[in-house]
């Protein structure tokens, strides 16, 4: 048998090398980040946060729209990597009648898709891309992964589920949930990192391909979002919580080249479903939602100059009605791994994003369309602008005063101790939402990580002597327990 000629051998070698190179091109491996929480904790948190979303958001109940999103969601879940599908997860896919381009998923499976996201999509593949991206955040457990790596002990402030505060909603959506949540969802956990965003993009397009959708459609959807951002002169809702990792369309398309698309999904219901959306009542904006609930950011004042920690979706009685003297019986409250304090036994404990209020009956709630804080105490944290306590305190108080322009010093600052740490007490006075003046004292100290911790008291000027002893007792009982 004749030998193979040199040109033929060269051609064969070229083919072999090409095939070997092609075999090296494989889809990207995406591994979940470190996480010290259990899937069961994800589910518990997600379930409770989803209940709050459903109470506050304009949920679309049209059975045909609900069923349509459910079919897409179920198809994507079926195509997800088996090793990432936790058996305890509770998947749901809920449309909401909000106009912003946004979608978000909560730990453990609940997903909410804004009408604005669907209206902006040019195809079902683009809708599926957004949903696959959000599903990937759930599968990779990015919410509780954020909690695992967070160093700030305030993220542990709430009760059980709130102790990890892993909601992954961003921007106004996250704020709306946090305002209504007794679990105080931590603001650091309401936004993804660019690393987590890229992971969700890559895993999302892999899931899309296995579910029978063109993975390049996710890149097209992001281009639509970018165009709308440019047209509006700012970031759409999506980008406030899903920062662009950069070169997004490029790496999505590169990943798509490594994937084989399964038998294409039936997309014949896309246009009829768009028509169903169009027939609904006009979509609300997030600002409309905030105004309806009297939340910060709605343009309405909050009243009660001492309310530095953000509103809470709960009331303690009716502000304006008499406030009883504090009980002489006390109980201990705990701010997770951050602090403990002894408070009057008959006062109510309310948690928000970065603070805990403890208030007497009629000391906090709605008054003339505003949320007011007229009597009680607040424990919270603030970013410190300096490692010098007085400078950090004064810088923060100036920022607080920007939202409370009539807030004034009522005397000299006093150096003292809080939980055996150097602290500063600042007396203030402010017009009260109830008429007259309210007296406020803010005591600040540093946490171990350099964050500013504050203890704030607020009371009507005429009642100051009645509450003086209770405020003193609480201050002396504070024990900061952040790790050294």
Protein backbone atom coordinates (compact mmCIF):
# COMPACT_ATOMS: atom_id res chain seq x y z
CA UNK A 1 0.00 0.00 0.00
CA UNK A 2 1.40 3.35 -1.05
CA UNK A 3 2.40 5.78 1.66
CA UNK A 4 0.43 8.91 2.35
CA UNK A 5 1.86 11.94 0.64
CA UNK A 6 3.15 14.90 2.62
CA UNK A 7 0.34 17.26 1.51
CA UNK A 8 -2.30 14.72 2.51
CA UNK A 9 -0.62 14.15 5.88
CA UNK A 10 -0.54 17.90 6.44
CA UNK A 11 -4.24 18.17 5.58
CA UNK A 12 -5.12 15.32 7.95
CA UNK A 13 -3.04 16.90 10.71
CA UNK A 14 -4.85 20.21 10.19
CA UNK A 15 -8.23 18.48 10.46
CA UNK A 16 -7.20 16.61 13.62
CA UNK A 17 -5.88 19.78 15.24
CA UNK A 18 -9.08 21.63 14.32
CA UNK A 19 -11.26 18.89 15.74
CA UNK A 20 -9.18 18.80 18.93
CA UNK A 21 -9.51 22.56 19.32
CA UNK A 22 -13.25 22.35 18.78
CA UNK A 23 -13.51 19.66 21.44
CA UNK A 24 -11.90 22.02 23.93
CA UNK A 25 -14.70 24.58 23.49
CA UNK A 26 -17.26 23.68 26.11
CA UNK A 27 -19.88 25.53 28.06
CA UNK A 28 -18.65 27.45 31.07
CA UNK A 29 -18.83 25.74 34.44
CA UNK A 30 -20.74 27.86 36.95
CA UNK A 31 -20.30 26.97 40.62
CA UNK A 32 -22.42 28.34 43.48
CA UNK A 33 -20.53 30.71 45.79
CA UNK A 34 -19.86 29.84 49.42
CA UNK A 35 -22.98 29.82 51.53
CA UNK A 36 -23.32 29.12 55.25
CA UNK A 37 -27.10 28.98 55.16
CA UNK A 38 -29.31 26.04 54.32
CA UNK A 39 -31.73 25.73 51.39
CA UNK A 40 -34.50 25.48 54.00
CA UNK A 41 -33.56 28.95 55.24
CA UNK A 42 -33.72 30.24 51.66
CA UNK A 43 -37.24 28.84 51.33
CA UNK A 44 -38.45 30.28 54.63
CA UNK A 45 -37.14 33.74 53.84
CA UNK A 46 -38.44 33.67 50.27
CA UNK A 47 -41.89 32.52 51.35
CA UNK A 48 -42.26 35.29 53.91
CA UNK A 49 -40.90 38.01 51.62
CA UNK A 50 -43.15 36.82 48.78
CA UNK A 51 -46.19 37.12 51.04
CA UNK A 52 -45.23 40.74 51.68
CA UNK A 53 -44.75 41.43 47.96
CA UNK A 54 -48.19 40.01 47.21
CA UNK A 55 -49.75 42.25 49.85
CA UNK A 56 -48.10 45.39 48.51
CA UNK A 57 -47.77 44.95 44.75
CA UNK A 58 -50.58 45.06 42.13
CA UNK A 59 -50.66 41.35 41.36
CA UNK A 60 -52.11 40.37 37.97
CA UNK A 61 -54.73 37.68 38.51
CA UNK A 62 -55.71 36.97 34.88
CA UNK A 63 -55.59 33.19 34.79
CA UNK A 64 -54.33 33.08 31.19
CA UNK A 65 -51.37 35.36 31.91
CA UNK A 66 -50.57 33.51 35.12
CA UNK A 67 -50.70 30.15 33.33
CA UNK A 68 -48.52 31.46 30.49
CA UNK A 69 -45.73 32.63 32.78
CA UNK A 70 -46.07 29.40 34.75
CA UNK A 71 -45.51 27.32 31.62
CA UNK A 72 -42.33 29.22 30.77
CA UNK A 73 -41.13 28.98 34.36
CA UNK A 74 -41.81 25.26 34.62
CA UNK A 75 -39.98 24.63 31.34
CA UNK A 76 -36.94 26.52 32.58
CA UNK A 77 -36.90 24.74 35.95
CA UNK A 78 -37.06 21.38 34.16
CA UNK A 79 -33.99 22.41 32.13
CA UNK A 80 -31.96 23.56 35.14
CA UNK A 81 -28.92 21.53 36.23
CA UNK A 82 -30.15 18.75 38.55
CA UNK A 83 -27.35 19.35 41.04
CA UNK A 84 -28.61 22.91 41.64
CA UNK A 85 -32.31 22.10 42.01
CA UNK A 86 -32.93 21.90 45.74
CA UNK A 87 -35.88 19.55 46.48
CA UNK A 88 -37.27 21.96 49.09
CA UNK A 89 -37.59 24.90 46.69
CA UNK A 90 -41.04 26.36 46.08
CA UNK A 91 -41.09 27.85 42.58
CA UNK A 92 -43.76 30.34 41.57
CA UNK A 93 -44.00 32.86 38.72
CA UNK A 94 -46.17 35.88 39.40
CA UNK A 95 -46.94 38.79 37.03
CA UNK A 96 -47.32 42.26 38.56
CA UNK A 97 -48.91 45.30 36.93
CA UNK A 98 -45.94 47.66 37.21
CA UNK A 99 -44.51 49.58 34.27
CA UNK A 100 -40.79 49.49 35.11
CA UNK A 101 -38.57 47.05 33.24
CA UNK A 102 -37.85 44.70 36.10
CA UNK A 103 -38.10 41.15 37.37
CA UNK A 104 -36.85 39.70 40.60
CA UNK A 105 -36.63 36.37 42.35
CA UNK A 106 -36.54 35.66 46.05
CA UNK A 107 -34.56 32.91 47.75
CA UNK A 108 -36.15 29.51 47.50
CA UNK A 109 -38.07 30.08 44.27
CA UNK A 110 -40.70 32.88 44.19
CA UNK A 111 -40.31 35.04 41.07
CA UNK A 112 -42.12 38.26 40.12
CA UNK A 113 -42.17 39.66 36.57
CA UNK A 114 -43.16 43.27 35.92
CA UNK A 115 -45.54 43.97 33.08
CA UNK A 116 -42.97 46.51 31.87
CA UNK A 117 -40.47 43.72 31.29
CA UNK A 118 -42.97 41.79 29.20
CA UNK A 119 -44.04 44.89 27.25
CA UNK A 120 -40.40 45.60 26.37
CA UNK A 121 -39.71 42.06 25.13
CA UNK A 122 -39.82 41.38 21.38
CA UNK A 123 -40.18 37.62 21.73
CA UNK A 124 -40.92 34.84 24.19
CA UNK A 125 -37.25 33.93 24.04
CA UNK A 126 -36.43 37.33 25.57
CA UNK A 127 -39.01 36.84 28.34
CA UNK A 128 -37.60 33.38 28.99
CA UNK A 129 -34.10 34.85 29.07
CA UNK A 130 -34.99 37.26 31.85
CA UNK A 131 -36.72 34.50 33.78
CA UNK A 132 -33.78 32.13 33.29
CA UNK A 133 -31.44 34.81 34.59
CA UNK A 134 -33.58 35.27 37.71
CA UNK A 135 -33.95 31.52 38.17
CA UNK A 136 -30.16 31.28 38.09
CA UNK A 137 -29.88 33.67 41.03
CA UNK A 138 -32.18 31.33 42.95
CA UNK A 139 -30.34 28.15 41.92
CA UNK A 140 -26.94 29.66 42.77
CA UNK A 141 -28.38 30.98 46.07
CA UNK A 142 -26.93 34.44 45.56
CA UNK A 143 -29.14 36.08 48.19
CA UNK A 144 -27.91 34.06 51.13
CA UNK A 145 -24.42 33.92 49.61
CA UNK A 146 -24.40 37.70 50.04
CA UNK A 147 -25.37 37.22 53.66
CA UNK A 148 -22.63 34.65 54.12
CA UNK A 149 -19.88 36.98 53.00
CA UNK A 150 -21.26 40.16 54.58
CA UNK A 151 -19.21 41.38 57.53
CA UNK A 152 -21.73 43.91 58.80
CA UNK A 153 -23.42 42.40 61.87
CA UNK A 154 -26.53 44.51 61.28
CA UNK A 155 -27.50 42.01 58.61
CA UNK A 156 -28.25 39.64 61.48
CA UNK A 157 -30.69 42.00 63.17
CA UNK A 158 -34.08 40.45 62.51
CA UNK A 159 -35.95 37.41 63.67
CA UNK A 160 -35.05 33.99 62.13
CA UNK A 161 -35.58 34.64 58.39
CA UNK A 162 -34.72 38.29 58.87
CA UNK A 163 -31.51 37.23 60.54
CA UNK A 164 -30.17 36.49 57.08
CA UNK A 165 -32.25 39.07 55.22
CA UNK A 166 -31.53 37.52 51.85
CA UNK A 167 -34.11 39.14 49.59
CA UNK A 168 -32.54 39.89 46.25
CA UNK A 169 -34.86 42.64 45.15
CA UNK A 170 -33.12 45.84 44.21
CA UNK A 171 -33.84 49.53 43.93
CA UNK A 172 -37.33 50.79 44.77
CA UNK A 173 -38.64 47.24 44.79
CA UNK A 174 -36.31 46.28 47.58
CA UNK A 175 -37.11 49.45 49.47
CA UNK A 176 -40.84 48.78 49.23
CA UNK A 177 -40.46 45.30 50.67
CA UNK A 178 -38.12 46.49 53.38
CA UNK A 179 -40.53 49.24 54.40
CA UNK A 180 -43.27 46.67 54.92
CA UNK A 181 -41.13 43.98 56.44
CA UNK A 182 -40.88 43.15 60.09
CA UNK A 183 -37.76 41.24 59.13
CA UNK A 184 -35.72 44.30 58.15
CA UNK A 185 -34.29 43.08 54.85
CA UNK A 186 -30.67 44.27 54.77
CA UNK A 187 -29.87 46.81 52.09
CA UNK A 188 -26.52 45.17 51.29
CA UNK A 189 -28.47 42.09 50.22
CA UNK A 190 -30.83 43.90 47.88
CA UNK A 191 -28.24 44.30 45.14
CA UNK A 192 -26.15 41.78 43.24
CA UNK A 193 -22.45 42.06 42.53
CA UNK A 194 -21.22 42.11 38.94
CA UNK A 195 -19.68 38.70 39.59
CA UNK A 196 -23.05 37.26 40.56
CA UNK A 197 -24.67 38.97 37.57
CA UNK A 198 -22.28 37.32 35.17
CA UNK A 199 -22.84 33.94 36.80
CA UNK A 200 -26.61 34.37 36.37
CA UNK A 201 -26.13 35.41 32.73
CA UNK A 202 -23.99 32.37 31.89
CA UNK A 203 -26.12 29.82 33.73
CA UNK A 204 -29.25 31.51 32.39
CA UNK A 205 -28.30 31.07 28.74
CA UNK A 206 -27.33 27.45 29.37
CA UNK A 207 -30.78 26.82 30.84
CA UNK A 208 -32.40 28.65 27.92
CA UNK A 209 -30.70 26.42 25.36
CA UNK A 210 -31.72 23.24 27.16
CA UNK A 211 -35.29 24.57 27.40
CA UNK A 212 -35.45 25.24 23.66
CA UNK A 213 -34.89 29.01 23.60
CA UNK A 214 -32.28 30.97 21.65
CA UNK A 215 -29.73 32.00 24.32
CA UNK A 216 -28.75 35.08 22.31
CA UNK A 217 -32.17 36.54 23.12
CA UNK A 218 -30.97 37.38 26.64
CA UNK A 219 -28.31 39.64 25.15
CA UNK A 220 -30.98 41.26 22.95
CA UNK A 221 -33.08 41.97 26.03
CA UNK A 222 -30.19 43.62 27.80
CA UNK A 223 -29.62 45.80 24.72
CA UNK A 224 -33.27 46.88 24.93
CA UNK A 225 -32.80 47.78 28.59
CA UNK A 226 -29.67 49.78 27.76
CA UNK A 227 -31.50 51.67 25.00
CA UNK A 228 -34.33 52.58 27.34
CA UNK A 229 -31.81 53.72 29.93
CA UNK A 230 -30.25 56.03 27.36
CA UNK A 231 -33.63 57.35 26.26
CA UNK A 232 -34.71 58.13 29.82
CA UNK A 233 -31.38 59.63 30.86
CA UNK A 234 -30.96 57.22 33.77
CA UNK A 235 -30.89 53.60 34.85
CA UNK A 236 -34.07 51.55 34.51
CA UNK A 237 -35.29 49.55 37.48
CA UNK A 238 -33.40 46.46 36.34
CA UNK A 239 -29.97 48.08 36.40
CA UNK A 240 -30.43 49.43 39.93
CA UNK A 241 -30.19 45.90 41.28
CA UNK A 242 -28.53 44.08 38.37
CA UNK A 243 -25.34 46.01 37.51
CA UNK A 244 -23.89 45.40 34.06
CA UNK A 245 -20.71 43.30 34.34
CA UNK A 246 -19.48 44.76 31.03
CA UNK A 247 -19.25 43.16 27.56
CA UNK A 248 -22.52 41.46 28.39
CA UNK A 249 -23.81 40.76 24.90
CA UNK A 250 -20.34 39.65 23.80
CA UNK A 251 -19.85 36.98 26.45
CA UNK A 252 -23.47 35.84 26.19
CA UNK A 253 -23.02 35.29 22.45
CA UNK A 254 -19.70 33.52 23.03
CA UNK A 255 -21.38 31.18 25.49
CA UNK A 256 -24.25 30.64 23.06
CA UNK A 257 -21.79 29.32 20.45
CA UNK A 258 -20.88 26.46 22.78
CA UNK A 259 -24.51 25.41 23.31
CA UNK A 260 -26.90 23.18 21.43
CA UNK A 261 -30.48 24.43 21.42
CA UNK A 262 -33.02 21.71 22.20
CA UNK A 263 -36.25 21.31 20.24
CA UNK A 264 -37.60 24.84 20.16
CA UNK A 265 -40.32 25.71 22.61
CA UNK A 266 -43.81 26.48 21.35
CA UNK A 267 -43.98 30.28 21.40
CA UNK A 268 -47.37 30.69 19.73
CA UNK A 269 -48.94 32.10 22.91
CA UNK A 270 -46.57 35.08 23.07
CA UNK A 271 -48.50 37.57 20.95
CA UNK A 272 -51.94 36.62 22.39
CA UNK A 273 -50.51 37.08 25.88
CA UNK A 274 -49.12 40.51 24.94
CA UNK A 275 -52.67 41.40 23.91
CA UNK A 276 -53.94 40.24 27.31
CA UNK A 277 -51.43 42.51 29.03
CA UNK A 278 -52.49 45.43 26.81
CA UNK A 279 -56.12 44.94 27.85
CA UNK A 280 -55.34 45.32 31.55
CA UNK A 281 -55.83 48.53 33.50
CA UNK A 282 -52.86 50.94 33.12
CA UNK A 283 -49.72 49.77 34.86
CA UNK A 284 -48.60 51.62 37.97
CA UNK A 285 -45.11 52.92 38.54
CA UNK A 286 -43.04 52.20 41.60
CA UNK A 287 -43.44 55.84 42.63
CA UNK A 288 -47.23 55.43 42.41
CA UNK A 289 -46.93 52.42 44.67
CA UNK A 290 -44.81 54.33 47.16
CA UNK A 291 -47.25 57.26 47.23
CA UNK A 292 -50.19 54.93 47.85
CA UNK A 293 -48.39 53.50 50.87
CA UNK A 294 -46.95 56.79 52.12
CA UNK A 295 -43.43 55.40 51.94
CA UNK A 296 -40.19 57.37 51.78
CA UNK A 297 -39.33 58.37 48.24
CA UNK A 298 -42.94 59.21 47.49
CA UNK A 299 -42.38 62.92 47.95
CA UNK A 300 -44.34 62.95 51.20
CA UNK A 301 -42.72 64.00 54.42
CA UNK A 302 -42.32 61.47 57.17
CA UNK A 303 -42.70 63.81 60.09
CA UNK A 304 -41.04 63.17 63.42
CA UNK A 305 -37.54 64.49 62.91
CA UNK A 306 -36.08 61.60 64.85
CA UNK A 307 -37.04 59.05 62.24
CA UNK A 308 -33.64 58.52 60.73
CA UNK A 309 -33.90 54.83 60.15
CA UNK A 310 -36.61 54.67 57.54
CA UNK A 311 -40.31 54.02 57.75
CA UNK A 312 -41.83 50.75 58.82
CA UNK A 313 -45.03 49.25 57.47
CA UNK A 314 -46.51 48.91 60.94
CA UNK A 315 -48.10 51.29 63.44
CA UNK A 316 -48.20 51.38 67.21
CA UNK A 317 -51.57 52.85 67.96
CA UNK A 318 -52.67 56.28 66.76
CA UNK A 319 -50.22 59.20 66.92
CA UNK A 320 -51.88 62.20 68.50
CA UNK A 321 -53.65 60.10 71.09
CA UNK A 322 -52.22 60.17 74.64
CA UNK A 323 -49.05 58.18 75.28
CA UNK A 324 -49.04 56.39 78.63
CA UNK A 325 -46.02 56.61 80.96
CA UNK A 326 -43.57 53.75 80.40
CA UNK A 327 -43.96 50.53 82.32
CA UNK A 328 -41.58 49.97 85.21
CA UNK A 329 -41.27 46.34 84.04
CA UNK A 330 -38.60 45.67 81.42
CA UNK A 331 -37.82 42.99 78.84
CA UNK A 332 -34.66 42.28 76.85
CA UNK A 333 -34.55 42.69 73.10
CA UNK A 334 -31.75 41.53 70.82
CA UNK A 335 -30.54 43.03 67.58
CA UNK A 336 -29.17 39.75 66.26
CA UNK A 337 -25.42 39.60 66.86
CA UNK A 338 -25.16 43.36 67.23
CA UNK A 339 -26.65 44.43 70.55
CA UNK A 340 -28.97 43.73 73.46
CA UNK A 341 -30.98 46.23 75.45
CA UNK A 342 -33.63 46.34 78.16
CA UNK A 343 -36.84 48.18 77.16
CA UNK A 344 -40.24 48.81 78.81
CA UNK A 345 -42.27 45.63 78.69
CA UNK A 346 -45.34 47.33 77.18
CA UNK A 347 -43.50 48.93 74.24
CA UNK A 348 -43.73 47.58 70.68
CA UNK A 349 -40.67 46.40 68.72
CA UNK A 350 -40.53 47.47 65.04
CA UNK A 351 -37.68 46.65 62.64
CA UNK A 352 -36.81 48.35 59.35
CA UNK A 353 -33.90 48.17 56.89
CA UNK A 354 -31.17 49.45 59.18
CA UNK A 355 -32.78 50.15 62.52
CA UNK A 356 -35.00 48.88 65.30
CA UNK A 357 -37.56 51.14 66.95
CA UNK A 358 -39.16 50.36 70.29
CA UNK A 359 -42.16 52.59 70.88
CA UNK A 360 -45.09 53.03 73.27
CA UNK A 361 -48.71 52.84 72.16
CA UNK A 362 -49.51 55.86 69.96
CA UNK A 363 -45.83 56.68 69.55
CA UNK A 364 -45.47 55.66 65.89
CA UNK A 365 -47.78 55.43 62.89
CA UNK A 366 -49.81 57.36 60.34
CA UNK A 367 -50.86 60.96 60.89
CA UNK A 368 -52.36 63.10 58.13
CA UNK A 369 -50.96 60.85 55.44
CA UNK A 370 -47.47 60.75 56.91
CA UNK A 371 -45.58 58.18 58.96
CA UNK A 372 -44.52 59.90 62.18
CA UNK A 373 -42.29 58.82 65.05
CA UNK A 374 -43.22 60.93 68.06
CA UNK A 375 -42.13 58.93 71.10
CA UNK A 376 -39.77 56.04 71.79
CA UNK A 377 -36.26 54.89 71.03
CA UNK A 378 -34.38 53.75 67.96
CA UNK A 379 -31.23 51.68 67.57
CA UNK A 380 -29.47 51.84 64.24
CA UNK A 381 -26.31 52.04 62.20
CA UNK A 382 -24.93 54.58 59.76
CA UNK A 383 -21.87 54.75 57.56
CA UNK A 384 -19.06 56.61 59.29
CA UNK A 385 -17.24 59.29 57.31
CA UNK A 386 -14.27 59.30 59.70
CA UNK A 387 -12.58 57.23 62.37
CA UNK A 388 -12.86 60.25 64.67
CA UNK A 389 -16.09 59.76 66.60
CA UNK A 390 -17.06 63.41 66.90
CA UNK A 391 -16.34 64.12 63.25
CA UNK A 392 -18.24 60.99 62.14
CA UNK A 393 -21.19 61.88 64.39
CA UNK A 394 -21.40 65.47 63.21
CA UNK A 395 -21.10 64.52 59.53
CA UNK A 396 -23.90 62.01 59.90
CA UNK A 397 -26.13 64.44 61.82
CA UNK A 398 -25.64 67.05 59.10
CA UNK A 399 -26.86 64.51 56.57
CA UNK A 400 -29.88 63.74 58.79
CA UNK A 401 -30.61 67.46 59.07
CA UNK A 402 -30.88 67.76 55.29
CA UNK A 403 -34.13 65.82 55.51
CA UNK A 404 -35.16 67.62 58.69
CA UNK A 405 -34.19 71.26 58.02
CA UNK A 406 -35.59 72.57 61.32
CA UNK A 407 -33.59 70.14 63.44
CA UNK A 408 -31.39 72.12 65.85
CA UNK A 409 -28.82 71.54 68.57
CA UNK A 410 -30.33 71.94 72.04
CA UNK A 411 -27.11 72.07 74.04
CA UNK A 412 -23.50 70.94 74.11
CA UNK A 413 -22.44 67.44 73.09
CA UNK A 414 -21.41 65.24 76.02
CA UNK A 415 -18.73 62.54 76.13
CA UNK A 416 -19.82 59.34 77.92
CA UNK A 417 -19.65 55.55 77.76
CA UNK A 418 -21.92 53.12 75.94
CA UNK A 419 -21.27 49.44 76.62
CA UNK A 420 -17.83 50.46 77.91
CA UNK A 421 -17.02 52.23 74.63
CA UNK A 422 -16.42 55.94 74.13
CA UNK A 423 -19.64 57.60 73.02
CA UNK A 424 -21.07 61.06 72.33
CA UNK A 425 -24.57 62.25 73.28
CA UNK A 426 -26.03 65.05 71.14
CA UNK A 427 -29.19 66.86 72.34
CA UNK A 428 -31.48 68.12 69.59
CA UNK A 429 -34.84 69.82 69.23
CA UNK A 430 -37.26 69.65 66.31
CA UNK A 431 -40.81 70.82 65.53
CA UNK A 432 -43.19 67.99 66.35
CA UNK A 433 -45.78 66.60 63.96
CA UNK A 434 -48.16 66.89 66.93
CA UNK A 435 -47.46 70.58 67.42
CA UNK A 436 -44.92 72.18 69.73
CA UNK A 437 -41.41 70.78 70.02
CA UNK A 438 -39.96 67.31 70.40
CA UNK A 439 -36.71 66.57 72.18
CA UNK A 440 -34.25 64.15 70.66
CA UNK A 441 -31.00 62.79 72.04
CA UNK A 442 -28.68 60.81 69.77
CA UNK A 443 -25.90 58.79 71.37
CA UNK A 444 -23.25 57.43 69.01
CA UNK A 445 -20.29 55.07 69.22
CA UNK A 446 -18.24 52.93 66.87
CA UNK A 447 -18.74 49.27 66.14
CA UNK A 448 -15.65 47.13 65.76
CA UNK A 449 -15.77 47.41 61.95
CA UNK A 450 -15.90 51.23 62.10
CA UNK A 451 -19.62 51.55 61.47
CA UNK A 452 -21.42 54.19 63.51
CA UNK A 453 -23.95 52.78 65.99
CA UNK A 454 -26.58 55.12 67.40
CA UNK A 455 -29.18 55.08 70.17
CA UNK A 456 -31.84 57.74 69.66
CA UNK A 457 -34.64 58.91 71.96
CA UNK A 458 -37.55 61.11 70.90
CA UNK A 459 -40.30 62.55 73.08
CA UNK A 460 -42.64 65.52 73.14
CA UNK A 461 -41.08 68.38 75.08
CA UNK A 462 -43.92 68.46 77.60
CA UNK A 463 -43.48 64.74 78.35
CA UNK A 464 -39.66 64.73 78.59
CA UNK A 465 -39.49 64.32 82.37
CA UNK A 466 -42.01 61.43 82.29
CA UNK A 467 -39.75 59.38 79.99
CA UNK A 468 -36.38 60.50 81.31
CA UNK A 469 -35.85 57.54 83.63
CA UNK A 470 -36.89 54.96 81.02
CA UNK A 471 -34.50 56.46 78.46
CA UNK A 472 -31.68 56.40 81.02
CA UNK A 473 -32.42 52.77 81.93
CA UNK A 474 -32.35 51.71 78.27
CA UNK A 475 -29.09 53.56 77.61
CA UNK A 476 -27.34 51.94 80.56
CA UNK A 477 -28.62 48.49 79.56
CA UNK A 478 -27.20 48.55 76.00
CA UNK A 479 -24.63 45.82 75.44
CA UNK A 480 -22.88 45.85 72.07
CA UNK A 481 -22.13 42.27 71.10
CA UNK A 482 -20.49 42.66 67.67
CA UNK A 483 -17.47 40.40 67.41
CA UNK A 484 -14.09 41.89 68.22
